PDB file of N, CA and C in Angstrom:
ATOM      1  N   UNK A   1      -8.292 -18.383   3.458  1.00  0.00           N
ATOM      2  CA  UNK A   1      -9.760 -17.991   2.541  1.00  0.00           C
ATOM      3  C   UNK A   1      -9.404 -17.574   1.557  1.00  0.00           C
ATOM      4  N   UNK A   2      -9.811 -18.031   0.202  1.00  0.00           N
ATOM      5  CA  UNK A   2      -9.835 -17.808  -1.181  1.00  0.00           C
ATOM      6  C   UNK A   2     -10.717 -16.709  -1.802  1.00  0.00           C
ATOM      7  N   UNK A   3     -10.286 -16.252  -2.657  1.00  0.00           N
ATOM      8  CA  UNK A   3     -11.273 -15.299  -3.369  1.00  0.00           C
ATOM      9  C   UNK A   3     -11.022 -16.067  -4.693  1.00  0.00           C
ATOM     10  N   UNK A   4     -11.490 -15.296  -5.799  1.00  0.00           N
ATOM     11  CA  UNK A   4     -11.418 -15.677  -7.515  1.00  0.00           C
ATOM     12  C   UNK A   4     -11.366 -14.630  -7.718  1.00  0.00           C
ATOM     13  N   UNK A   5     -10.188 -14.360  -9.075  1.00  0.00           N
ATOM     14  CA  UNK A   5     -10.229 -13.418 -10.040  1.00  0.00           C
ATOM     15  C   UNK A   5     -11.428 -13.438 -10.732  1.00  0.00           C
ATOM     16  N   UNK A   6     -12.131 -11.889 -11.009  1.00  0.00           N
ATOM     17  CA  UNK A   6     -13.143 -11.537 -11.701  1.00  0.00           C
ATOM     18  C   UNK A   6     -13.069 -12.455 -12.855  1.00  0.00           C
ATOM     19  N   UNK A   7     -14.313 -12.902 -13.618  1.00  0.00           N
ATOM     20  CA  UNK A   7     -14.058 -13.422 -14.948  1.00  0.00           C
ATOM     21  C   UNK A   7     -14.498 -11.891 -15.964  1.00  0.00           C
ATOM     22  N   UNK A   8     -13.578 -11.211 -15.863  1.00  0.00           N
ATOM     23  CA  UNK A   8     -13.659 -10.490 -16.926  1.00  0.00           C
ATOM     24  C   UNK A   8     -12.523 -10.580 -18.010  1.00  0.00           C
ATOM     25  N   UNK A   9     -12.837 -11.228 -18.778  1.00  0.00           N
ATOM     26  CA  UNK A   9     -12.152 -11.836 -19.856  1.00  0.00           C
ATOM     27  C   UNK A   9     -12.434 -11.087 -21.024  1.00  0.00           C
ATOM     28  N   UNK A  10     -11.067 -11.270 -22.090  1.00  0.00           N
ATOM     29  CA  UNK A  10     -11.787 -10.994 -23.593  1.00  0.00           C
ATOM     30  C   UNK A  10     -12.801 -11.728 -23.666  1.00  0.00           C
ATOM     31  N   UNK A  11     -13.345 -10.777 -25.061  1.00  0.00           N
ATOM     32  CA  UNK A  11     -14.991 -11.156 -25.400  1.00  0.00           C
ATOM     33  C   UNK A  11     -14.802 -12.760 -26.304  1.00  0.00           C
ATOM     34  N   UNK A  12     -13.703 -12.979 -26.689  1.00  0.00           N
ATOM     35  CA  UNK A  12     -13.328 -14.236 -27.684  1.00  0.00           C
ATOM     36  C   UNK A  12     -13.095 -15.684 -26.934  1.00  0.00           C
ATOM     37  N   UNK A  13     -12.231 -15.091 -25.245  1.00  0.00           N
ATOM     38  CA  UNK A  13     -11.740 -15.615 -24.880  1.00  0.00           C
ATOM     39  C   UNK A  13     -12.746 -17.351 -23.707  1.00  0.00           C
ATOM     40  N   UNK A  14     -12.324 -18.466 -23.872  1.00  0.00           N
ATOM     41  CA  UNK A  14     -13.098 -19.647 -23.678  1.00  0.00           C
ATOM     42  C   UNK A  14     -13.213 -19.207 -21.849  1.00  0.00           C
ATOM     43  N   UNK A  15     -13.949 -19.591 -21.659  1.00  0.00           N
ATOM     44  CA  UNK A  15     -14.567 -19.567 -20.046  1.00  0.00           C
ATOM     45  C   UNK A  15     -13.792 -20.859 -19.356  1.00  0.00           C
ATOM     46  N   UNK A  16     -13.317 -20.734 -18.268  1.00  0.00           N
ATOM     47  CA  UNK A  16     -13.067 -21.853 -18.068  1.00  0.00           C
ATOM     48  C   UNK A  16     -13.984 -22.269 -16.407  1.00  0.00           C
ATOM     49  N   UNK A  17     -14.386 -23.577 -16.310  1.00  0.00           N
ATOM     50  CA  UNK A  17     -14.872 -24.080 -15.602  1.00  0.00           C
ATOM     51  C   UNK A  17     -14.441 -24.197 -14.220  1.00  0.00           C
ATOM     52  N   UNK A  18     -13.075 -24.285 -13.965  1.00  0.00           N
ATOM     53  CA  UNK A  18     -12.360 -24.412 -12.175  1.00  0.00           C
ATOM     54  C   UNK A  18     -12.432 -22.746 -11.759  1.00  0.00           C
ATOM     55  N   UNK A  19     -12.767 -22.426 -12.510  1.00  0.00           N
ATOM     56  CA  UNK A  19     -12.196 -20.485 -11.464  1.00  0.00           C
ATOM     57  C   UNK A  19     -11.769 -19.911 -11.207  1.00  0.00           C
ATOM     58  N   UNK A  20     -10.385 -20.173 -11.193  1.00  0.00           N
ATOM     59  CA  UNK A  20      -9.231 -19.720 -11.467  1.00  0.00           C
ATOM     60  C   UNK A  20      -9.363 -19.117  -9.576  1.00  0.00           C
ATOM     61  N   UNK A  21      -9.373 -20.015  -8.630  1.00  0.00           N
ATOM     62  CA  UNK A  21      -9.216 -19.804  -7.310  1.00  0.00           C
ATOM     63  C   UNK A  21      -7.870 -19.497  -6.985  1.00  0.00           C
ATOM     64  N   UNK A  22      -7.676 -18.342  -6.346  1.00  0.00           N
ATOM     65  CA  UNK A  22      -6.403 -17.426  -6.048  1.00  0.00           C
ATOM     66  C   UNK A  22      -6.110 -17.007  -4.584  1.00  0.00           C
ATOM     67  N   UNK A  23      -5.160 -16.910  -4.292  1.00  0.00           N
ATOM     68  CA  UNK A  23      -5.078 -16.264  -2.502  1.00  0.00           C
ATOM     69  C   UNK A  23      -5.576 -14.932  -2.512  1.00  0.00           C
ATOM     70  N   UNK A  24      -6.128 -14.434  -1.313  1.00  0.00           N
ATOM     71  CA  UNK A  24      -6.463 -13.042  -1.444  1.00  0.00           C
ATOM     72  C   UNK A  24      -5.101 -12.726  -1.016  1.00  0.00           C
ATOM     73  N   UNK A  25      -4.156 -12.918  -0.698  1.00  0.00           N
ATOM     74  CA  UNK A  25      -2.666 -11.971  -0.783  1.00  0.00           C
ATOM     75  C   UNK A  25      -2.591 -11.593  -2.378  1.00  0.00           C
ATOM     76  N   UNK A  26      -2.326 -12.682  -3.138  1.00  0.00           N
ATOM     77  CA  UNK A  26      -2.344 -12.564  -4.457  1.00  0.00           C
ATOM     78  C   UNK A  26      -2.956 -11.649  -5.091  1.00  0.00           C
ATOM     79  N   UNK A  27      -4.510 -11.986  -5.194  1.00  0.00           N
ATOM     80  CA  UNK A  27      -4.992 -11.057  -6.013  1.00  0.00           C
ATOM     81  C   UNK A  27      -4.531  -9.597  -5.002  1.00  0.00           C
ATOM     82  N   UNK A  28      -4.438  -9.618  -4.150  1.00  0.00           N
ATOM     83  CA  UNK A  28      -4.730  -8.060  -3.217  1.00  0.00           C
ATOM     84  C   UNK A  28      -3.383  -7.297  -4.371  1.00  0.00           C
ATOM     85  N   UNK A  29      -2.195  -8.117  -4.421  1.00  0.00           N
ATOM     86  CA  UNK A  29      -0.999  -8.273  -5.060  1.00  0.00           C
ATOM     87  C   UNK A  29      -1.007  -7.212  -5.996  1.00  0.00           C
ATOM     88  N   UNK A  30      -2.369  -8.333  -6.642  1.00  0.00           N
ATOM     89  CA  UNK A  30      -2.143  -7.901  -8.571  1.00  0.00           C
ATOM     90  C   UNK A  30      -2.704  -6.410  -8.545  1.00  0.00           C
ATOM     91  N   UNK A  31      -3.896  -6.748  -7.665  1.00  0.00           N
ATOM     92  CA  UNK A  31      -4.458  -5.565  -7.727  1.00  0.00           C
ATOM     93  C   UNK A  31      -3.442  -3.857  -7.907  1.00  0.00           C
ATOM     94  N   UNK A  32      -3.198  -4.186  -6.873  1.00  0.00           N
ATOM     95  CA  UNK A  32      -1.965  -2.865  -5.750  1.00  0.00           C
ATOM     96  C   UNK A  32      -1.330  -2.415  -7.477  1.00  0.00           C
ATOM     97  N   UNK A  33      -0.695  -3.446  -7.643  1.00  0.00           N
ATOM     98  CA  UNK A  33       0.163  -3.352  -9.016  1.00  0.00           C
ATOM     99  C   UNK A  33      -0.653  -2.252  -9.489  1.00  0.00           C
ATOM    100  N   UNK A  34      -2.094  -3.129 -10.413  1.00  0.00           N
ATOM    101  CA  UNK A  34      -2.736  -2.340 -11.762  1.00  0.00           C
ATOM    102  C   UNK A  34      -3.338  -1.203 -11.416  1.00  0.00           C
ATOM    103  N   UNK A  35      -3.153  -0.691  -9.729  1.00  0.00           N
ATOM    104  CA  UNK A  35      -3.829   0.453  -9.477  1.00  0.00           C
ATOM    105  C   UNK A  35      -2.201   1.531  -9.837  1.00  0.00           C
ATOM    106  N   UNK A  36      -1.551   1.326  -9.143  1.00  0.00           N
ATOM    107  CA  UNK A  36      -0.048   1.912  -9.614  1.00  0.00           C
ATOM    108  C   UNK A  36      -0.498   2.608 -11.073  1.00  0.00           C
ATOM    109  N   UNK A  37      -0.205   0.635 -11.751  1.00  0.00           N
ATOM    110  CA  UNK A  37      -0.335   1.336 -12.922  1.00  0.00           C
ATOM    111  C   UNK A  37      -0.826   2.533 -13.665  1.00  0.00           C
ATOM    112  N   UNK A  38      -2.606   1.640 -13.544  1.00  0.00           N
ATOM    113  CA  UNK A  38      -3.347   2.831 -13.973  1.00  0.00           C
ATOM    114  C   UNK A  38      -2.969   4.584 -13.483  1.00  0.00           C
ATOM    115  N   UNK A  39      -2.323   4.703 -12.332  1.00  0.00           N
ATOM    116  CA  UNK A  39      -2.114   5.935 -11.903  1.00  0.00           C
ATOM    117  C   UNK A  39      -0.946   6.514 -13.017  1.00  0.00           C
ATOM    118  N   UNK A  40      -0.360   5.751 -13.282  1.00  0.00           N
ATOM    119  CA  UNK A  40       1.330   6.064 -13.562  1.00  0.00           C
ATOM    120  C   UNK A  40       0.807   6.431 -15.278  1.00  0.00           C
ATOM    121  N   UNK A  41      -0.565   5.793 -16.249  1.00  0.00           N
ATOM    122  CA  UNK A  41      -1.305   6.113 -17.213  1.00  0.00           C
ATOM    123  C   UNK A  41      -1.801   7.574 -17.160  1.00  0.00           C
ATOM    124  N   UNK A  42      -2.620   7.488 -15.954  1.00  0.00           N
ATOM    125  CA  UNK A  42      -2.694   8.483 -15.909  1.00  0.00           C
ATOM    126  C   UNK A  42      -1.927  10.111 -15.729  1.00  0.00           C
ATOM    127  N   UNK A  43      -0.820   9.797 -15.270  1.00  0.00           N
ATOM    128  CA  UNK A  43       0.398  10.853 -15.428  1.00  0.00           C
ATOM    129  C   UNK A  43       0.669  11.021 -16.632  1.00  0.00           C
ATOM    130  N   UNK A  44       0.743  10.095 -17.801  1.00  0.00           N
ATOM    131  CA  UNK A  44       1.422  10.394 -18.536  1.00  0.00           C
ATOM    132  C   UNK A  44       0.406  11.132 -19.910  1.00  0.00           C
ATOM    133  N   UNK A  45      -1.004  11.202 -19.605  1.00  0.00           N
ATOM    134  CA  UNK A  45      -2.390  12.031 -19.904  1.00  0.00           C
ATOM    135  C   UNK A  45      -1.628  13.106 -19.634  1.00  0.00           C
ATOM    136  N   UNK A  46      -1.541  13.455 -17.981  1.00  0.00           N
ATOM    137  CA  UNK A  46      -1.494  14.987 -18.168  1.00  0.00           C
ATOM    138  C   UNK A  46       0.118  14.994 -18.687  1.00  0.00           C
ATOM    139  N   UNK A  47       1.376  14.741 -18.550  1.00  0.00           N
ATOM    140  CA  UNK A  47       3.053  15.392 -19.186  1.00  0.00           C
ATOM    141  C   UNK A  47       2.176  15.367 -20.726  1.00  0.00           C
ATOM    142  N   UNK A  48       1.049  14.736 -21.327  1.00  0.00           N
ATOM    143  CA  UNK A  48       0.822  15.034 -22.726  1.00  0.00           C
ATOM    144  C   UNK A  48      -0.026  16.120 -22.983  1.00  0.00           C
ATOM    145  N   UNK A  49      -0.575  16.945 -22.025  1.00  0.00           N
ATOM    146  CA  UNK A  49      -1.689  17.741 -21.820  1.00  0.00           C
ATOM    147  C   UNK A  49      -1.107  18.961 -21.458  1.00  0.00           C
ATOM    148  N   UNK A  50       0.399  18.463 -20.742  1.00  0.00           N
ATOM    149  CA  UNK A  50       1.431  19.892 -20.571  1.00  0.00           C
ATOM    150  C   UNK A  50       2.657  20.068 -21.426  1.00  0.00           C
ATOM    151  N   UNK A  51       2.274  19.064 -22.470  1.00  0.00           N
ATOM    152  CA  UNK A  51       3.364  18.775 -23.498  1.00  0.00           C
ATOM    153  C   UNK A  51       4.714  18.825 -23.348  1.00  0.00           C
ATOM    154  N   UNK A  52       4.835  17.565 -22.220  1.00  0.00           N
ATOM    155  CA  UNK A  52       6.511  17.383 -22.159  1.00  0.00           C
ATOM    156  C   UNK A  52       6.946  16.980 -23.154  1.00  0.00           C
ATOM    157  N   UNK A  53       8.366  16.678 -23.118  1.00  0.00           N
ATOM    158  CA  UNK A  53       8.976  16.552 -24.225  1.00  0.00           C
ATOM    159  C   UNK A  53       8.719  14.654 -24.312  1.00  0.00           C
ATOM    160  N   UNK A  54       8.985  14.781 -25.627  1.00  0.00           N
ATOM    161  CA  UNK A  54       8.582  13.061 -26.620  1.00  0.00           C
ATOM    162  C   UNK A  54       9.310  12.230 -25.444  1.00  0.00           C
ATOM    163  N   UNK A  55      10.617  12.332 -25.096  1.00  0.00           N
ATOM    164  CA  UNK A  55      11.712  10.935 -24.593  1.00  0.00           C
ATOM    165  C   UNK A  55      10.965  11.372 -23.611  1.00  0.00           C
ATOM    166  N   UNK A  56      10.602  12.105 -22.498  1.00  0.00           N
ATOM    167  CA  UNK A  56      10.138  12.005 -21.364  1.00  0.00           C
ATOM    168  C   UNK A  56       8.955  10.837 -20.937  1.00  0.00           C
ATOM    169  N   UNK A  57       7.821  11.167 -22.083  1.00  0.00           N
ATOM    170  CA  UNK A  57       6.876  10.727 -22.300  1.00  0.00           C
ATOM    171  C   UNK A  57       7.520   9.018 -22.561  1.00  0.00           C
ATOM    172  N   UNK A  58       8.151   8.827 -23.721  1.00  0.00           N
ATOM    173  CA  UNK A  58       8.761   7.365 -24.071  1.00  0.00           C
ATOM    174  C   UNK A  58       9.205   6.878 -22.861  1.00  0.00           C
ATOM    175  N   UNK A  59      10.210   7.451 -22.002  1.00  0.00           N
ATOM    176  CA  UNK A  59      10.353   6.700 -20.968  1.00  0.00           C
ATOM    177  C   UNK A  59       9.624   5.746 -20.052  1.00  0.00           C
ATOM    178  N   UNK A  60       8.240   6.785 -19.897  1.00  0.00           N
ATOM    179  CA  UNK A  60       7.151   6.267 -18.778  1.00  0.00           C
ATOM    180  C   UNK A  60       6.369   5.540 -19.431  1.00  0.00           C
ATOM    181  N   UNK A  61       6.240   5.613 -21.117  1.00  0.00           N
ATOM    182  CA  UNK A  61       5.700   4.250 -21.666  1.00  0.00           C
ATOM    183  C   UNK A  61       6.298   3.146 -21.310  1.00  0.00           C
ATOM    184  N   UNK A  62       7.734   3.189 -21.673  1.00  0.00           N
ATOM    185  CA  UNK A  62       9.076   2.071 -21.438  1.00  0.00           C
ATOM    186  C   UNK A  62       8.449   1.926 -19.939  1.00  0.00           C
ATOM    187  N   UNK A  63       8.236   2.506 -18.462  1.00  0.00           N
ATOM    188  CA  UNK A  63       7.961   2.311 -17.325  1.00  0.00           C
ATOM    189  C   UNK A  63       6.809   1.179 -17.352  1.00  0.00           C
ATOM    190  N   UNK A  64       5.417   1.539 -17.793  1.00  0.00           N
ATOM    191  CA  UNK A  64       4.471   1.268 -17.499  1.00  0.00           C
ATOM    192  C   UNK A  64       4.353   0.006 -18.186  1.00  0.00           C
ATOM    193  N   UNK A  65       5.192  -0.374 -19.437  1.00  0.00           N
ATOM    194  CA  UNK A  65       5.186  -1.537 -20.366  1.00  0.00           C
ATOM    195  C   UNK A  65       6.091  -3.076 -19.044  1.00  0.00           C
ATOM    196  N   UNK A  66       7.112  -2.288 -18.497  1.00  0.00           N
ATOM    197  CA  UNK A  66       7.383  -2.942 -17.521  1.00  0.00           C
ATOM    198  C   UNK A  66       6.801  -4.029 -16.509  1.00  0.00           C
ATOM    199  N   UNK A  67       6.227  -2.586 -15.708  1.00  0.00           N
ATOM    200  CA  UNK A  67       5.085  -2.591 -14.983  1.00  0.00           C
ATOM    201  C   UNK A  67       4.008  -3.921 -15.194  1.00  0.00           C
ATOM    202  N   UNK A  68       4.077  -3.752 -16.456  1.00  0.00           N
ATOM    203  CA  UNK A  68       2.758  -5.190 -17.235  1.00  0.00           C
ATOM    204  C   UNK A  68       3.366  -6.263 -17.210  1.00  0.00           C
ATOM    205  N   UNK A  69       4.433  -6.094 -17.382  1.00  0.00           N
ATOM    206  CA  UNK A  69       4.784  -7.477 -17.824  1.00  0.00           C
ATOM    207  C   UNK A  69       5.207  -8.222 -16.429  1.00  0.00           C
ATOM    208  N   UNK A  70       5.068  -7.136 -15.112  1.00  0.00           N
ATOM    209  CA  UNK A  70       5.684  -8.133 -13.947  1.00  0.00           C
ATOM    210  C   UNK A  70       4.744  -8.635 -13.665  1.00  0.00           C
ATOM    211  N   UNK A  71       3.625  -7.894 -14.003  1.00  0.00           N
ATOM    212  CA  UNK A  71       1.884  -8.209 -13.374  1.00  0.00           C
ATOM    213  C   UNK A  71       1.793  -9.483 -14.143  1.00  0.00           C
ATOM    214  N   UNK A  72       1.932  -9.491 -15.337  1.00  0.00           N
ATOM    215  CA  UNK A  72       1.781 -10.829 -16.031  1.00  0.00           C
ATOM    216  C   UNK A  72       2.355 -11.908 -15.712  1.00  0.00           C
ATOM    217  N   UNK A  73       3.646 -11.677 -15.377  1.00  0.00           N
ATOM    218  CA  UNK A  73       4.722 -12.772 -15.047  1.00  0.00           C
ATOM    219  C   UNK A  73       4.245 -13.537 -13.340  1.00  0.00           C
ATOM    220  N   UNK A  74       3.576 -12.684 -12.662  1.00  0.00           N
ATOM    221  CA  UNK A  74       2.812 -12.688 -11.467  1.00  0.00           C
ATOM    222  C   UNK A  74       1.513 -13.623 -11.718  1.00  0.00           C
ATOM    223  N   UNK A  75       0.786 -13.248 -12.586  1.00  0.00           N
ATOM    224  CA  UNK A  75       0.081 -14.529 -12.972  1.00  0.00           C
ATOM    225  C   UNK A  75       0.042 -15.244 -13.500  1.00  0.00           C
ATOM    226  N   UNK A  76       0.749 -15.607 -14.600  1.00  0.00           N
ATOM    227  CA  UNK A  76       1.481 -16.982 -15.395  1.00  0.00           C
ATOM    228  C   UNK A  76       2.103 -17.190 -14.107  1.00  0.00           C
ATOM    229  N   UNK A  77       3.129 -17.057 -13.308  1.00  0.00           N
ATOM    230  CA  UNK A  77       3.604 -17.815 -12.315  1.00  0.00           C
ATOM    231  C   UNK A  77       2.862 -18.430 -10.905  1.00  0.00           C
ATOM    232  N   UNK A  78       1.741 -17.980 -10.840  1.00  0.00           N
ATOM    233  CA  UNK A  78       0.587 -18.307 -10.082  1.00  0.00           C
ATOM    234  C   UNK A  78      -0.938 -19.727 -10.859  1.00  0.00           C
ATOM    235  N   UNK A  79      -0.732 -18.940 -12.001  1.00  0.00           N
ATOM    236  CA  UNK A  79      -1.174 -20.335 -12.993  1.00  0.00           C
ATOM    237  C   UNK A  79      -0.658 -21.538 -13.519  1.00  0.00           C
ATOM    238  N   UNK A  80       0.558 -21.101 -13.802  1.00  0.00           N
ATOM    239  CA  UNK A  80       1.752 -22.318 -13.525  1.00  0.00           C
ATOM    240  C   UNK A  80       1.399 -23.325 -12.198  1.00  0.00           C
ATOM    241  N   UNK A  81       1.205 -22.649 -10.741  1.00  0.00           N
ATOM    242  CA  UNK A  81       2.220 -23.098  -9.823  1.00  0.00           C
ATOM    243  C   UNK A  81       0.625 -23.616  -9.422  1.00  0.00           C
ATOM    244  N   UNK A  82      -0.213 -23.039  -9.482  1.00  0.00           N
ATOM    245  CA  UNK A  82      -2.067 -23.379  -8.562  1.00  0.00           C
ATOM    246  C   UNK A  82      -3.074 -23.634  -9.866  1.00  0.00           C
ATOM    247  N   UNK A  83      -3.138 -23.598 -11.153  1.00  0.00           N
ATOM    248  CA  UNK A  83      -4.039 -23.944 -12.239  1.00  0.00           C
ATOM    249  C   UNK A  83      -3.520 -25.103 -12.446  1.00  0.00           C
ATOM    250  N   UNK A  84      -2.520 -25.046 -13.201  1.00  0.00           N
ATOM    251  CA  UNK A  84      -1.708 -26.407 -14.206  1.00  0.00           C
ATOM    252  C   UNK A  84      -1.782 -27.377 -12.995  1.00  0.00           C
ATOM    253  N   UNK A  85      -1.246 -27.151 -11.805  1.00  0.00           N
ATOM    254  CA  UNK A  85      -1.009 -28.029 -11.181  1.00  0.00           C
ATOM    255  C   UNK A  85      -2.206 -28.861 -10.498  1.00  0.00           C
ATOM    256  N   UNK A  86      -3.363 -27.811 -10.542  1.00  0.00           N
ATOM    257  CA  UNK A  86      -4.477 -29.027  -9.833  1.00  0.00           C
ATOM    258  C   UNK A  86      -5.269 -29.638 -11.115  1.00  0.00           C
ATOM    259  N   UNK A  87      -5.311 -28.722 -12.486  1.00  0.00           N
ATOM    260  CA  UNK A  87      -5.789 -29.158 -13.277  1.00  0.00           C
ATOM    261  C   UNK A  87      -5.044 -31.006 -14.011  1.00  0.00           C
ATOM    262  N   UNK A  88      -3.456 -31.054 -13.586  1.00  0.00           N
ATOM    263  CA  UNK A  88      -2.946 -32.251 -13.716  1.00  0.00           C
ATOM    264  C   UNK A  88      -3.411 -32.894 -12.568  1.00  0.00           C
ATOM    265  N   UNK A  89      -3.842 -32.897 -11.582  1.00  0.00           N
ATOM    266  CA  UNK A  89      -4.833 -33.669 -10.069  1.00  0.00           C
ATOM    267  C   UNK A  89      -6.008 -34.202 -10.712  1.00  0.00           C
ATOM    268  N   UNK A  90      -6.578 -32.801 -11.461  1.00  0.00           N
ATOM    269  CA  UNK A  90      -8.159 -33.901 -12.109  1.00  0.00           C
ATOM    270  C   UNK A  90      -7.902 -33.954 -12.788  1.00  0.00           C
ATOM    271  N   UNK A  91      -6.622 -34.662 -13.959  1.00  0.00           N
ATOM    272  CA  UNK A  91      -6.953 -35.538 -15.199  1.00  0.00           C
ATOM    273  C   UNK A  91      -7.280 -34.591 -16.390  1.00  0.00           C
ATOM    274  N   UNK A  92      -6.885 -33.116 -16.090  1.00  0.00           N
ATOM    275  CA  UNK A  92      -7.659 -31.970 -17.151  1.00  0.00           C
ATOM    276  C   UNK A  92      -6.575 -31.468 -17.590  1.00  0.00           C
ATOM    277  N   UNK A  93      -5.457 -31.703 -17.645  1.00  0.00           N
ATOM    278  CA  UNK A  93      -4.103 -31.034 -18.050  1.00  0.00           C
ATOM    279  C   UNK A  93      -4.100 -30.455 -19.505  1.00  0.00           C
ATOM    280  N   UNK A  94      -4.685 -31.495 -20.496  1.00  0.00           N
ATOM    281  CA  UNK A  94      -4.478 -31.078 -21.992  1.00  0.00           C
ATOM    282  C   UNK A  94      -5.194 -29.570 -21.843  1.00  0.00           C
ATOM    283  N   UNK A  95      -6.756 -29.550 -21.716  1.00  0.00           N
ATOM    284  CA  UNK A  95      -7.250 -28.654 -21.798  1.00  0.00           C
ATOM    285  C   UNK A  95      -6.811 -27.165 -21.547  1.00  0.00           C
ATOM    286  N   UNK A  96      -6.234 -27.655 -20.363  1.00  0.00           N
ATOM    287  CA  UNK A  96      -5.445 -26.325 -19.700  1.00  0.00           C
ATOM    288  C   UNK A  96      -4.420 -25.853 -20.541  1.00  0.00           C
ATOM    289  N   UNK A  97      -3.299 -26.924 -20.850  1.00  0.00           N
ATOM    290  CA  UNK A  97      -2.197 -26.648 -21.206  1.00  0.00           C
ATOM    291  C   UNK A  97      -2.973 -25.562 -22.863  1.00  0.00           C
ATOM    292  N   UNK A  98      -3.752 -26.465 -23.466  1.00  0.00           N
ATOM    293  CA  UNK A  98      -4.187 -25.452 -24.281  1.00  0.00           C
ATOM    294  C   UNK A  98      -4.687 -23.954 -24.696  1.00  0.00           C
ATOM    295  N   UNK A  99      -5.471 -23.988 -23.413  1.00  0.00           N
ATOM    296  CA  UNK A  99      -5.984 -22.576 -23.231  1.00  0.00           C
ATOM    297  C   UNK A  99      -4.808 -21.450 -23.338  1.00  0.00           C
ATOM    298  N   UNK A 100      -3.584 -21.935 -22.093  1.00  0.00           N
ATOM    299  CA  UNK A 100      -2.473 -21.567 -21.721  1.00  0.00           C
ATOM    300  C   UNK A 100      -1.723 -20.911 -22.879  1.00  0.00           C
ATOM    301  N   UNK A 101      -1.539 -22.144 -23.634  1.00  0.00           N
ATOM    302  CA  UNK A 101      -1.127 -21.854 -25.499  1.00  0.00           C
ATOM    303  C   UNK A 101      -1.984 -21.063 -26.224  1.00  0.00           C
ATOM    304  N   UNK A 102      -3.577 -20.902 -25.912  1.00  0.00           N
ATOM    305  CA  UNK A 102      -4.112 -19.933 -26.859  1.00  0.00           C
ATOM    306  C   UNK A 102      -3.513 -18.257 -26.387  1.00  0.00           C
ATOM    307  N   UNK A 103      -3.726 -18.148 -25.095  1.00  0.00           N
ATOM    308  CA  UNK A 103      -3.624 -17.009 -24.355  1.00  0.00           C
ATOM    309  C   UNK A 103      -2.046 -16.594 -24.452  1.00  0.00           C
ATOM    310  N   UNK A 104      -0.754 -17.453 -24.422  1.00  0.00           N
ATOM    311  CA  UNK A 104       0.326 -16.750 -24.927  1.00  0.00           C
ATOM    312  C   UNK A 104       0.638 -16.756 -26.357  1.00  0.00           C
ATOM    313  N   UNK A 105      -0.442 -16.842 -27.076  1.00  0.00           N
ATOM    314  CA  UNK A 105      -0.288 -16.547 -28.444  1.00  0.00           C
ATOM    315  C   UNK A 105      -0.721 -15.320 -28.667  1.00  0.00           C
ATOM    316  N   UNK A 106      -1.593 -15.065 -27.853  1.00  0.00           N
ATOM    317  CA  UNK A 106      -2.424 -13.243 -28.226  1.00  0.00           C
ATOM    318  C   UNK A 106      -1.138 -12.397 -27.366  1.00  0.00           C
ATOM    319  N   UNK A 107      -0.737 -13.054 -26.165  1.00  0.00           N
ATOM    320  CA  UNK A 107       0.260 -12.139 -25.174  1.00  0.00           C
ATOM    321  C   UNK A 107       1.615 -11.965 -25.917  1.00  0.00           C
ATOM    322  N   UNK A 108       2.249 -12.798 -26.220  1.00  0.00           N
ATOM    323  CA  UNK A 108       3.743 -12.937 -26.736  1.00  0.00           C
ATOM    324  C   UNK A 108       3.649 -11.903 -28.532  1.00  0.00           C
ATOM    325  N   UNK A 109       5.194 -11.680 -28.384  1.00  0.00           N
ATOM    326  CA  UNK A 109       4.867 -10.715 -29.752  1.00  0.00           C
ATOM    327  C   UNK A 109       5.331 -12.198 -31.198  1.00  0.00           C
ATOM    328  N   UNK A 110       4.657 -12.218 -31.878  1.00  0.00           N
ATOM    329  CA  UNK A 110       5.152 -13.006 -32.865  1.00  0.00           C
ATOM    330  C   UNK A 110       6.598 -13.095 -33.469  1.00  0.00           C
TER     331      UNK A 110
END
């Protein structure tokens, strides 16, 4: 059984017709990681309210950055193995690659 990721895209992003179908296991793994990151962000807010040392807060922010990068890597890996492969079979690879390039332009630092 497969599920689709929710279409909560950036307001300026393009909508894709194939629905980004991903496995339920993959979706669960990504959601679990994001939930842990969400909890970690709440922890940093608590640290700020408790006037914790700035270096401690910065270390925790670095941990969140790393965790977000790992989630992004999971999503990118799945996109390359599933969506790009499917687009190649369907003959729509050029559009899919352009959409990925556009997303990477926003995602990667200049």
